[in-house]
């Protein structure tokens, strides 16, 4: 019984280790060109060169295609352009910094700068209004002021 359990455990460990072995299609060509191409499987945000999903429905065929194109003596740029022609600009891991993409990359910094300017303007405005209000004392009616003084005198005389 002990040997039977040990054999099953050993088979399980061997099966798991075989299933976890890396893909043999990750060649140097896949590392170079695949690092420029995004994995479009929808489950990860990696490149096809380093997609960690076993049996990924996009990365595995893409790696095979990169290997095939590399064996045909295509350069890395030609391989990348073939993917871009086939699937569009989303095939690139990093979009080119031209046109609208350039605007999108700069927009967060512009918004942050505008926000800081708005905060500085608001703080300055509040400070200038605060000092103007602090320097100006409100005008009081002399009759009200004399009535308060009389009440103070009455209260002070009662204390004695």
N, C-alpha and C. Protein backbone atom coordinates (compact mmCIF):
# COMPACT_ATOMS: atom_id res chain seq x y z
N UNK A 1 0.82 -1.19 0.00
CA UNK A 1 0.00 0.00 0.00
C UNK A 1 0.87 1.25 0.00
N UNK A 2 1.95 1.23 0.78
CA UNK A 2 2.85 2.37 0.86
C UNK A 2 3.49 2.66 -0.48
N UNK A 3 3.93 1.58 -1.18
CA UNK A 3 4.55 1.75 -2.49
C UNK A 3 3.56 2.31 -3.49
N UNK A 4 2.32 1.90 -3.41
CA UNK A 4 1.30 2.36 -4.33
C UNK A 4 1.09 3.87 -4.15
N UNK A 5 0.99 4.35 -2.92
CA UNK A 5 0.82 5.77 -2.64
C UNK A 5 2.04 6.56 -3.10
N UNK A 6 3.20 6.03 -2.89
CA UNK A 6 4.42 6.70 -3.31
C UNK A 6 4.49 6.79 -4.83
N UNK A 7 4.09 5.75 -5.51
CA UNK A 7 4.09 5.74 -6.98
C UNK A 7 3.11 6.77 -7.53
N UNK A 8 1.94 6.85 -6.95
CA UNK A 8 0.95 7.83 -7.40
C UNK A 8 1.46 9.24 -7.16
N UNK A 9 2.06 9.48 -6.01
CA UNK A 9 2.60 10.79 -5.68
C UNK A 9 3.73 11.16 -6.64
N UNK A 10 4.59 10.21 -6.95
CA UNK A 10 5.69 10.45 -7.87
C UNK A 10 5.16 10.76 -9.27
N UNK A 11 4.16 10.02 -9.73
CA UNK A 11 3.55 10.29 -11.04
C UNK A 11 2.93 11.68 -11.07
N UNK A 12 2.27 12.06 -10.00
CA UNK A 12 1.66 13.39 -9.93
C UNK A 12 2.72 14.49 -10.02
N UNK A 13 3.80 14.33 -9.27
CA UNK A 13 4.87 15.34 -9.27
C UNK A 13 5.52 15.43 -10.65
N UNK A 14 5.77 14.31 -11.29
CA UNK A 14 6.36 14.32 -12.64
C UNK A 14 5.40 14.96 -13.63
N UNK A 15 4.12 14.65 -13.52
CA UNK A 15 3.13 15.24 -14.42
C UNK A 15 3.03 16.75 -14.27
N UNK A 16 3.05 17.23 -13.05
CA UNK A 16 2.98 18.66 -12.81
C UNK A 16 4.24 19.35 -13.30
N UNK A 17 5.39 18.75 -13.08
CA UNK A 17 6.63 19.39 -13.51
C UNK A 17 6.74 19.41 -15.03
N UNK A 18 6.22 18.40 -15.71
CA UNK A 18 6.24 18.41 -17.17
C UNK A 18 5.28 19.47 -17.69
N UNK A 19 4.13 19.62 -17.05
CA UNK A 19 3.16 20.61 -17.49
C UNK A 19 3.65 22.02 -17.27
N UNK A 20 4.56 22.22 -16.34
CA UNK A 20 5.04 23.56 -16.03
C UNK A 20 6.32 23.93 -16.76
N UNK A 21 6.81 23.09 -17.64
CA UNK A 21 8.03 23.43 -18.35
C UNK A 21 7.75 24.56 -19.32
N UNK A 22 8.78 25.34 -19.60
CA UNK A 22 8.62 26.51 -20.45
C UNK A 22 8.42 26.09 -21.90
N UNK A 23 7.87 27.00 -22.65
CA UNK A 23 7.58 26.76 -24.06
C UNK A 23 8.89 26.75 -24.84
N UNK A 24 9.06 25.80 -25.73
CA UNK A 24 10.32 25.70 -26.47
C UNK A 24 10.36 26.69 -27.63
N UNK A 25 9.27 27.41 -27.87
CA UNK A 25 9.26 28.35 -29.00
C UNK A 25 9.82 29.71 -28.63
N UNK A 26 10.29 29.91 -27.40
CA UNK A 26 10.88 31.19 -27.00
C UNK A 26 12.36 31.15 -27.37
N UNK A 27 12.63 31.54 -28.58
CA UNK A 27 13.99 31.58 -29.11
C UNK A 27 14.52 33.01 -29.00
N UNK A 28 15.78 33.23 -29.30
CA UNK A 28 16.29 34.61 -29.28
C UNK A 28 15.54 35.55 -30.23
N UNK A 29 15.09 35.03 -31.36
CA UNK A 29 14.31 35.87 -32.29
C UNK A 29 12.99 36.27 -31.67
N UNK A 30 12.36 35.34 -30.95
CA UNK A 30 11.10 35.65 -30.27
C UNK A 30 11.36 36.65 -29.16
N UNK A 31 12.47 36.52 -28.45
CA UNK A 31 12.79 37.48 -27.39
C UNK A 31 12.98 38.88 -27.96
N UNK A 32 13.68 39.00 -29.08
CA UNK A 32 13.94 40.33 -29.66
C UNK A 32 12.68 40.95 -30.25
N UNK A 33 12.05 40.24 -31.18
CA UNK A 33 10.87 40.80 -31.86
C UNK A 33 9.63 40.72 -30.97
N UNK A 34 9.52 39.67 -30.19
CA UNK A 34 8.34 39.49 -29.34
C UNK A 34 8.26 40.48 -28.20
N UNK A 35 9.39 41.05 -27.81
CA UNK A 35 9.36 42.05 -26.75
C UNK A 35 8.76 43.36 -27.24
N UNK A 36 8.61 43.52 -28.53
CA UNK A 36 8.01 44.73 -29.11
C UNK A 36 6.53 44.53 -29.43
N UNK A 37 6.05 43.28 -29.30
CA UNK A 37 4.67 42.96 -29.67
C UNK A 37 3.85 42.62 -28.43
N UNK A 38 2.67 43.19 -28.32
CA UNK A 38 1.79 42.96 -27.17
C UNK A 38 1.05 41.64 -27.33
N UNK A 39 0.81 40.98 -26.21
CA UNK A 39 -0.01 39.78 -26.21
C UNK A 39 -1.47 40.24 -26.16
N UNK A 40 -2.24 39.87 -27.14
CA UNK A 40 -3.62 40.32 -27.27
C UNK A 40 -4.63 39.27 -26.82
N UNK A 41 -4.24 38.45 -25.86
CA UNK A 41 -5.15 37.40 -25.39
C UNK A 41 -6.26 37.98 -24.50
N UNK A 42 -6.00 39.13 -23.90
CA UNK A 42 -6.99 39.74 -23.02
C UNK A 42 -6.85 39.32 -21.58
N UNK A 43 -6.00 38.37 -21.29
CA UNK A 43 -5.83 37.90 -19.92
C UNK A 43 -4.60 38.46 -19.24
N UNK A 44 -3.69 39.02 -20.01
CA UNK A 44 -2.47 39.58 -19.43
C UNK A 44 -2.14 40.88 -20.16
N UNK A 45 -1.19 41.58 -19.63
CA UNK A 45 -0.73 42.82 -20.26
C UNK A 45 0.77 42.72 -20.50
N UNK A 46 1.18 41.63 -21.10
CA UNK A 46 2.59 41.37 -21.35
C UNK A 46 2.85 41.37 -22.85
N UNK A 47 4.09 41.12 -23.19
CA UNK A 47 4.45 40.94 -24.59
C UNK A 47 4.36 39.46 -24.92
N UNK A 48 4.42 39.15 -26.21
CA UNK A 48 4.35 37.73 -26.56
C UNK A 48 5.61 36.99 -26.15
N UNK A 49 6.70 37.72 -25.93
CA UNK A 49 7.95 37.08 -25.50
C UNK A 49 7.87 36.63 -24.05
N UNK A 50 7.10 37.34 -23.21
CA UNK A 50 7.07 36.97 -21.80
C UNK A 50 5.66 36.75 -21.27
N UNK A 51 4.74 36.31 -22.10
CA UNK A 51 3.39 35.99 -21.65
C UNK A 51 3.47 34.76 -20.74
N UNK A 52 3.01 34.88 -19.49
CA UNK A 52 3.18 33.77 -18.55
C UNK A 52 2.11 32.69 -18.65
N UNK A 53 1.10 32.89 -19.47
CA UNK A 53 0.00 31.92 -19.55
C UNK A 53 0.42 30.69 -20.35
N UNK A 54 0.22 29.53 -19.76
CA UNK A 54 0.53 28.28 -20.46
C UNK A 54 -0.51 28.04 -21.52
N UNK A 55 -0.10 27.81 -22.73
CA UNK A 55 -1.03 27.54 -23.82
C UNK A 55 -1.87 28.74 -24.20
N UNK A 56 -1.32 29.92 -24.09
CA UNK A 56 -2.04 31.15 -24.43
C UNK A 56 -2.51 31.08 -25.88
N UNK A 57 -3.77 31.39 -26.10
CA UNK A 57 -4.34 31.25 -27.45
C UNK A 57 -3.81 32.29 -28.42
N UNK A 58 -3.13 33.33 -27.94
CA UNK A 58 -2.55 34.32 -28.85
C UNK A 58 -1.03 34.22 -28.88
N UNK A 59 -0.39 34.10 -27.72
CA UNK A 59 1.07 34.16 -27.66
C UNK A 59 1.73 32.95 -28.33
N UNK A 60 1.18 31.75 -28.14
CA UNK A 60 1.82 30.56 -28.70
C UNK A 60 1.83 30.60 -30.23
N UNK A 61 0.68 30.88 -30.90
CA UNK A 61 0.76 30.98 -32.36
C UNK A 61 1.60 32.17 -32.83
N UNK A 62 1.60 33.26 -32.07
CA UNK A 62 2.41 34.41 -32.44
C UNK A 62 3.89 34.09 -32.35
N UNK A 63 4.28 33.34 -31.34
CA UNK A 63 5.69 32.93 -31.22
C UNK A 63 6.09 32.05 -32.39
N UNK A 64 5.19 31.12 -32.76
CA UNK A 64 5.48 30.25 -33.90
C UNK A 64 5.62 31.06 -35.18
N UNK A 65 4.77 32.08 -35.34
CA UNK A 65 4.85 32.92 -36.53
C UNK A 65 6.15 33.72 -36.55
N UNK A 66 6.56 34.22 -35.38
CA UNK A 66 7.83 34.96 -35.30
C UNK A 66 8.99 34.03 -35.64
N UNK A 67 8.96 32.80 -35.12
CA UNK A 67 10.01 31.83 -35.46
C UNK A 67 10.04 31.55 -36.95
N UNK A 68 8.87 31.38 -37.55
CA UNK A 68 8.79 31.10 -38.99
C UNK A 68 9.34 32.27 -39.80
N UNK A 69 8.97 33.50 -39.43
CA UNK A 69 9.46 34.67 -40.15
C UNK A 69 10.96 34.87 -39.94
N UNK A 70 11.45 34.53 -38.75
CA UNK A 70 12.89 34.65 -38.48
C UNK A 70 13.68 33.62 -39.30
N UNK A 71 13.10 32.44 -39.49
CA UNK A 71 13.76 31.42 -40.31
C UNK A 71 13.79 31.82 -41.78
N UNK A 72 12.85 32.69 -42.17
CA UNK A 72 12.83 33.21 -43.54
C UNK A 72 13.76 34.41 -43.70
N UNK A 73 14.61 34.65 -42.72
CA UNK A 73 15.59 35.73 -42.70
C UNK A 73 14.96 37.11 -42.69
N UNK A 74 13.85 37.24 -42.04
CA UNK A 74 13.21 38.55 -41.88
C UNK A 74 13.85 39.25 -40.67
N UNK A 75 14.01 40.55 -40.77
CA UNK A 75 14.56 41.30 -39.64
C UNK A 75 13.48 41.50 -38.58
N UNK A 76 13.91 41.95 -37.42
CA UNK A 76 12.95 42.17 -36.33
C UNK A 76 11.91 43.22 -36.71
N UNK A 77 12.34 44.28 -37.38
CA UNK A 77 11.40 45.33 -37.79
C UNK A 77 10.40 44.81 -38.82
N UNK A 78 10.85 43.96 -39.71
CA UNK A 78 9.94 43.38 -40.71
C UNK A 78 8.91 42.47 -40.03
N UNK A 79 9.35 41.74 -39.02
CA UNK A 79 8.43 40.87 -38.27
C UNK A 79 7.38 41.72 -37.55
N UNK A 80 7.84 42.79 -36.90
CA UNK A 80 6.91 43.67 -36.17
C UNK A 80 5.94 44.30 -37.16
N UNK A 81 6.42 44.75 -38.30
CA UNK A 81 5.54 45.38 -39.30
C UNK A 81 4.53 44.37 -39.85
N UNK A 82 4.91 43.11 -39.96
CA UNK A 82 3.97 42.08 -40.43
C UNK A 82 2.82 41.95 -39.43
N UNK A 83 3.13 41.97 -38.14
CA UNK A 83 2.07 41.90 -37.13
C UNK A 83 1.20 43.15 -37.14
N UNK A 84 1.82 44.31 -37.35
CA UNK A 84 1.06 45.56 -37.38
C UNK A 84 0.12 45.56 -38.59
N UNK A 85 0.59 45.07 -39.72
CA UNK A 85 -0.28 45.00 -40.90
C UNK A 85 -1.46 44.05 -40.67
N UNK A 86 -1.21 42.99 -39.93
CA UNK A 86 -2.24 41.98 -39.72
C UNK A 86 -3.27 42.41 -38.67
N UNK A 87 -2.81 42.91 -37.52
CA UNK A 87 -3.73 43.21 -36.42
C UNK A 87 -3.86 44.68 -36.09
N UNK A 88 -3.09 45.53 -36.71
CA UNK A 88 -3.21 46.96 -36.43
C UNK A 88 -2.19 47.42 -35.40
N UNK A 89 -2.34 48.69 -35.02
CA UNK A 89 -1.38 49.32 -34.12
C UNK A 89 -1.42 48.72 -32.72
N UNK A 90 -2.53 48.07 -32.34
CA UNK A 90 -2.61 47.47 -31.01
C UNK A 90 -1.66 46.29 -30.86
N UNK A 91 -1.07 45.83 -31.95
CA UNK A 91 -0.09 44.74 -31.87
C UNK A 91 1.19 45.18 -31.19
N UNK A 92 1.46 46.48 -31.16
CA UNK A 92 2.68 46.98 -30.55
C UNK A 92 2.54 47.06 -29.04
N UNK A 93 3.59 46.67 -28.34
CA UNK A 93 3.59 46.75 -26.88
C UNK A 93 3.64 48.21 -26.43
N UNK A 94 4.39 49.04 -27.13
CA UNK A 94 4.48 50.46 -26.85
C UNK A 94 4.09 51.20 -28.13
N UNK A 95 2.98 51.95 -28.10
CA UNK A 95 2.56 52.64 -29.32
C UNK A 95 3.56 53.73 -29.70
N UNK A 96 3.65 54.06 -30.98
CA UNK A 96 4.59 55.11 -31.39
C UNK A 96 4.15 56.47 -30.87
N UNK A 97 5.11 57.31 -30.54
CA UNK A 97 4.82 58.63 -29.98
C UNK A 97 4.65 59.65 -31.11
N UNK A 98 3.64 59.43 -31.94
CA UNK A 98 3.36 60.36 -33.03
C UNK A 98 1.87 60.63 -33.06
N UNK A 99 1.50 61.81 -33.55
CA UNK A 99 0.10 62.14 -33.73
C UNK A 99 -0.67 62.17 -32.43
N UNK A 100 -1.82 61.54 -32.45
CA UNK A 100 -2.72 61.55 -31.29
C UNK A 100 -2.11 60.83 -30.10
N UNK A 101 -1.30 59.80 -30.34
CA UNK A 101 -0.64 59.09 -29.24
C UNK A 101 0.28 60.03 -28.47
N UNK A 102 0.94 60.94 -29.18
CA UNK A 102 1.81 61.91 -28.53
C UNK A 102 1.00 62.82 -27.60
N UNK A 103 -0.16 63.24 -28.08
CA UNK A 103 -1.04 64.08 -27.25
C UNK A 103 -1.51 63.32 -26.01
N UNK A 104 -1.88 62.06 -26.18
CA UNK A 104 -2.34 61.26 -25.06
C UNK A 104 -1.25 61.05 -24.02
N UNK A 105 -0.01 60.96 -24.46
CA UNK A 105 1.08 60.74 -23.52
C UNK A 105 1.41 62.01 -22.74
N UNK A 106 1.15 63.17 -23.33
CA UNK A 106 1.47 64.44 -22.66
C UNK A 106 0.30 64.98 -21.85
N UNK A 107 -0.90 64.54 -22.13
CA UNK A 107 -2.10 65.12 -21.51
C UNK A 107 -2.12 65.02 -19.98
N UNK A 108 -1.74 63.93 -19.34
CA UNK A 108 -1.76 63.90 -17.88
C UNK A 108 -0.87 64.99 -17.26
N UNK A 109 0.28 65.26 -17.85
CA UNK A 109 1.18 66.29 -17.31
C UNK A 109 0.56 67.68 -17.49
N UNK A 110 -0.11 67.89 -18.60
CA UNK A 110 -0.77 69.18 -18.83
C UNK A 110 -1.89 69.38 -17.81
N UNK A 111 -2.67 68.35 -17.57
CA UNK A 111 -3.78 68.45 -16.61
C UNK A 111 -3.24 68.69 -15.19
N UNK A 112 -2.17 68.03 -14.82
CA UNK A 112 -1.57 68.25 -13.50
C UNK A 112 -1.07 69.69 -13.37
N UNK A 113 -0.41 70.20 -14.40
CA UNK A 113 0.08 71.58 -14.36
C UNK A 113 -1.08 72.57 -14.26
N UNK A 114 -2.14 72.35 -15.02
CA UNK A 114 -3.29 73.24 -14.94
C UNK A 114 -3.95 73.17 -13.56
N UNK A 115 -4.02 72.01 -12.99
CA UNK A 115 -4.58 71.86 -11.65
C UNK A 115 -3.76 72.60 -10.60
N UNK A 116 -2.42 72.50 -10.69
CA UNK A 116 -1.57 73.21 -9.74
C UNK A 116 -1.70 74.72 -9.91
N UNK A 117 -1.81 75.19 -11.15
CA UNK A 117 -2.02 76.62 -11.38
C UNK A 117 -3.35 77.08 -10.81
N UNK A 118 -4.40 76.28 -10.96
CA UNK A 118 -5.71 76.64 -10.41
C UNK A 118 -5.66 76.71 -8.89
N UNK A 119 -4.96 75.78 -8.27
CA UNK A 119 -4.84 75.79 -6.81
C UNK A 119 -4.07 77.02 -6.35
N UNK A 120 -2.96 77.34 -7.03
CA UNK A 120 -2.18 78.53 -6.67
C UNK A 120 -3.02 79.80 -6.82
N UNK A 121 -3.78 79.90 -7.90
CA UNK A 121 -4.64 81.07 -8.12
C UNK A 121 -5.69 81.18 -7.01
N UNK A 122 -6.30 80.06 -6.65
CA UNK A 122 -7.33 80.06 -5.61
C UNK A 122 -6.76 80.48 -4.26
N UNK A 123 -5.59 79.95 -3.90
CA UNK A 123 -4.96 80.28 -2.61
C UNK A 123 -4.59 81.76 -2.58
N UNK A 124 -4.03 82.28 -3.66
CA UNK A 124 -3.69 83.71 -3.72
C UNK A 124 -4.93 84.58 -3.56
N UNK A 125 -5.97 84.20 -4.25
CA UNK A 125 -7.21 84.97 -4.18
C UNK A 125 -7.78 84.97 -2.76
N UNK A 126 -7.76 83.83 -2.10
CA UNK A 126 -8.28 83.73 -0.74
C UNK A 126 -7.42 84.53 0.23
N UNK A 127 -6.11 84.51 0.03
CA UNK A 127 -5.23 85.28 0.91
C UNK A 127 -5.47 86.78 0.76
N UNK A 128 -5.61 87.23 -0.49
CA UNK A 128 -5.81 88.67 -0.70
C UNK A 128 -7.17 89.11 -0.16
N UNK A 129 -8.18 88.29 -0.28
CA UNK A 129 -9.48 88.63 0.29
C UNK A 129 -9.44 88.58 1.81
N UNK A 130 -8.69 87.66 2.36
CA UNK A 130 -8.58 87.52 3.82
C UNK A 130 -7.89 88.72 4.44
N UNK A 131 -6.81 89.23 3.82
CA UNK A 131 -6.12 90.39 4.37
C UNK A 131 -6.95 91.64 4.22
N UNK A 132 -7.71 91.76 3.15
CA UNK A 132 -8.56 92.94 2.97
C UNK A 132 -9.68 92.94 4.00
N UNK A 133 -10.22 91.80 4.30
CA UNK A 133 -11.29 91.72 5.30
C UNK A 133 -10.75 91.91 6.71
N UNK A 134 -9.52 91.47 6.97
CA UNK A 134 -8.95 91.61 8.30
C UNK A 134 -8.62 93.07 8.59
N UNK A 135 -8.21 93.82 7.59
CA UNK A 135 -7.85 95.22 7.78
C UNK A 135 -9.09 96.11 7.91
N UNK A 136 -10.17 95.76 7.31
CA UNK A 136 -11.37 96.59 7.34
C UNK A 136 -12.25 96.15 8.52
N UNK A 137 -12.51 97.08 9.44
CA UNK A 137 -13.40 96.75 10.55
C UNK A 137 -14.81 97.20 10.18
N UNK A 138 -15.80 96.46 10.57
CA UNK A 138 -17.16 96.82 10.19
C UNK A 138 -17.63 98.07 10.95
N UNK A 139 -18.40 98.87 10.28
CA UNK A 139 -18.96 100.08 10.90
C UNK A 139 -20.10 99.68 11.83
N UNK A 140 -20.06 100.24 13.05
CA UNK A 140 -21.12 99.94 14.01
C UNK A 140 -21.94 101.21 14.27
N UNK A 141 -23.18 100.99 14.52
CA UNK A 141 -24.07 102.10 14.85
C UNK A 141 -23.67 102.64 16.23
N UNK A 142 -23.45 103.96 16.37
CA UNK A 142 -23.04 104.51 17.67
C UNK A 142 -24.06 104.25 18.77
N UNK A 143 -25.34 104.18 18.45
CA UNK A 143 -26.36 103.93 19.48
C UNK A 143 -26.21 102.52 20.03
N UNK A 144 -25.97 101.55 19.15
CA UNK A 144 -25.79 100.15 19.59
C UNK A 144 -24.52 100.04 20.43
N UNK A 145 -23.49 100.74 20.00
CA UNK A 145 -22.22 100.71 20.72
C UNK A 145 -22.36 101.31 22.12
N UNK A 146 -23.08 102.42 22.22
CA UNK A 146 -23.28 103.04 23.55
C UNK A 146 -24.14 102.14 24.45
N UNK A 147 -25.13 101.46 23.88
CA UNK A 147 -25.97 100.55 24.68
C UNK A 147 -25.13 99.40 25.24
N UNK A 148 -24.21 98.85 24.43
CA UNK A 148 -23.33 97.77 24.91
C UNK A 148 -22.42 98.29 26.01
N UNK A 149 -21.92 99.49 25.87
CA UNK A 149 -21.05 100.06 26.90
C UNK A 149 -21.81 100.25 28.22
N UNK A 150 -23.05 100.69 28.12
CA UNK A 150 -23.87 100.86 29.33
C UNK A 150 -24.10 99.53 30.02
N UNK A 151 -24.39 98.49 29.22
CA UNK A 151 -24.59 97.15 29.80
C UNK A 151 -23.32 96.64 30.49
N UNK A 152 -22.18 96.93 29.89
CA UNK A 152 -20.91 96.50 30.48
C UNK A 152 -20.69 97.22 31.80
N UNK A 153 -20.99 98.51 31.84
CA UNK A 153 -20.83 99.29 33.07
C UNK A 153 -21.74 98.78 34.17
N UNK A 154 -22.96 98.44 33.82
CA UNK A 154 -23.92 97.91 34.83
C UNK A 154 -23.40 96.59 35.38
N UNK A 155 -22.92 95.69 34.49
CA UNK A 155 -22.43 94.39 34.94
C UNK A 155 -21.20 94.55 35.83
N UNK A 156 -20.32 95.45 35.48
CA UNK A 156 -19.10 95.66 36.27
C UNK A 156 -19.45 96.25 37.62
N UNK A 157 -20.44 97.15 37.70
CA UNK A 157 -20.82 97.76 38.97
C UNK A 157 -21.45 96.73 39.90
N UNK A 158 -22.15 95.77 39.36
CA UNK A 158 -22.75 94.71 40.19
C UNK A 158 -21.68 93.80 40.81
N UNK A 159 -20.56 93.65 40.13
CA UNK A 159 -19.50 92.80 40.62
C UNK A 159 -18.83 93.40 41.86
N UNK A 160 -18.84 94.70 41.97
CA UNK A 160 -18.17 95.35 43.11
C UNK A 160 -18.95 95.19 44.32
